[in-house]
Each structure stands twice: as C-alpha cells, then as structure tokens.
Amino acid sequence: MPGREWAVGRMPTERSRPIVLVEGAVFDNPLDADRKVFRLRWQAATEQVPAPAMTSASGER
C-alpha cells in the first residue's frame, strides 16, 4: 500500500498514559508490522529471541 506506514507501539498499564512507539518499528505494510508484534510477544513470553524471518512481505530480507 504505497504511501502508508504502520508503526508498532506498547500500550501502557495506565490507560491515561500515551502509547509508546517501538523505536525502528515502522513498516510499509501491515504484515511486517504484525510479524514484529509477534516477535516481541514471543520474546516477552519465552525470553528467547525468535529466529529472523526469511523475507518480509515486500520480499526484502
């Protein structure tokens, strides 16, 4: 989707606080943003860094 960007952010525990954007987590398609969210959640749940993705949705490494 040309001209659009998707960013990943962390929700604070207090609803009155602003969402904090994850540094360097801005993507040109929603699939890559979703993959980043999955990887962050995986890392938080398992304390392990998941293997890198083979390619992005846009075909880039």
Protein backbone atom coordinates (compact mmCIF):
# COMPACT_ATOMS: atom_id res chain seq x y z
CA MET A 1 0.00 0.00 0.00
CA PRO A 2 2.07 2.92 -1.27
CA GLY A 3 2.33 5.99 0.89
CA ARG A 4 1.12 4.34 4.10
CA GLU A 5 3.05 3.41 7.21
CA TRP A 6 2.33 1.13 10.15
CA ALA A 7 4.07 1.61 13.49
CA VAL A 8 4.34 -0.74 16.47
CA GLY A 9 3.74 0.64 19.94
CA ARG A 10 3.45 -0.58 23.51
CA MET A 11 0.28 0.01 25.49
CA PRO A 12 0.94 1.38 28.97
CA THR A 13 -0.60 -0.25 32.04
CA GLU A 14 -2.37 3.02 32.85
CA ARG A 15 -4.91 3.97 30.21
CA SER A 16 -4.31 7.67 30.74
CA ARG A 17 -0.67 7.32 29.61
CA PRO A 18 0.26 7.63 25.91
CA ILE A 19 1.22 4.66 23.73
CA VAL A 20 4.99 4.37 23.42
CA LEU A 21 6.23 3.65 19.88
CA VAL A 22 8.86 0.94 19.48
CA GLU A 23 11.98 2.55 18.05
CA GLY A 24 12.69 1.47 14.47
CA ALA A 25 9.37 -0.38 14.16
CA VAL A 26 7.79 1.50 11.25
CA PHE A 27 6.77 -0.56 8.23
CA ASP A 28 5.34 -0.02 4.76
CA ASN A 29 2.85 -2.88 5.06
CA PRO A 30 0.69 -4.31 7.87
CA LEU A 31 2.04 -7.86 7.56
CA ASP A 32 5.58 -6.81 8.52
CA ALA A 33 4.21 -4.80 11.45
CA ASP A 34 2.21 -7.83 12.59
CA ARG A 35 5.33 -10.01 12.38
CA LYS A 36 7.19 -7.53 14.58
CA VAL A 37 4.40 -7.65 17.17
CA PHE A 38 4.52 -11.47 17.12
CA ARG A 39 8.30 -11.47 17.60
CA LEU A 40 8.10 -9.00 20.50
CA ARG A 41 5.37 -11.02 22.21
CA TRP A 42 7.28 -14.27 21.63
CA GLN A 43 10.39 -12.76 23.17
CA ALA A 44 8.44 -11.47 26.19
CA ALA A 45 6.72 -14.84 26.76
CA THR A 46 9.73 -17.12 26.25
CA GLU A 47 12.68 -14.82 26.98
CA GLN A 48 14.14 -16.10 23.69
CA VAL A 49 14.74 -14.13 20.53
CA PRO A 50 12.90 -15.84 17.63
CA ALA A 51 14.84 -16.77 14.51
CA PRO A 52 14.93 -13.99 11.90
CA ALA A 53 12.30 -14.04 9.19
CA MET A 54 13.44 -15.33 5.80
CA THR A 55 11.86 -12.42 3.92
CA SER A 56 9.43 -9.59 4.60
CA ALA A 57 6.05 -9.29 2.93
CA SER A 58 7.62 -6.86 0.47
CA GLY A 59 10.21 -9.50 -0.46
CA GLU A 60 13.11 -7.80 1.32
CA ARG A 61 15.43 -9.53 3.78
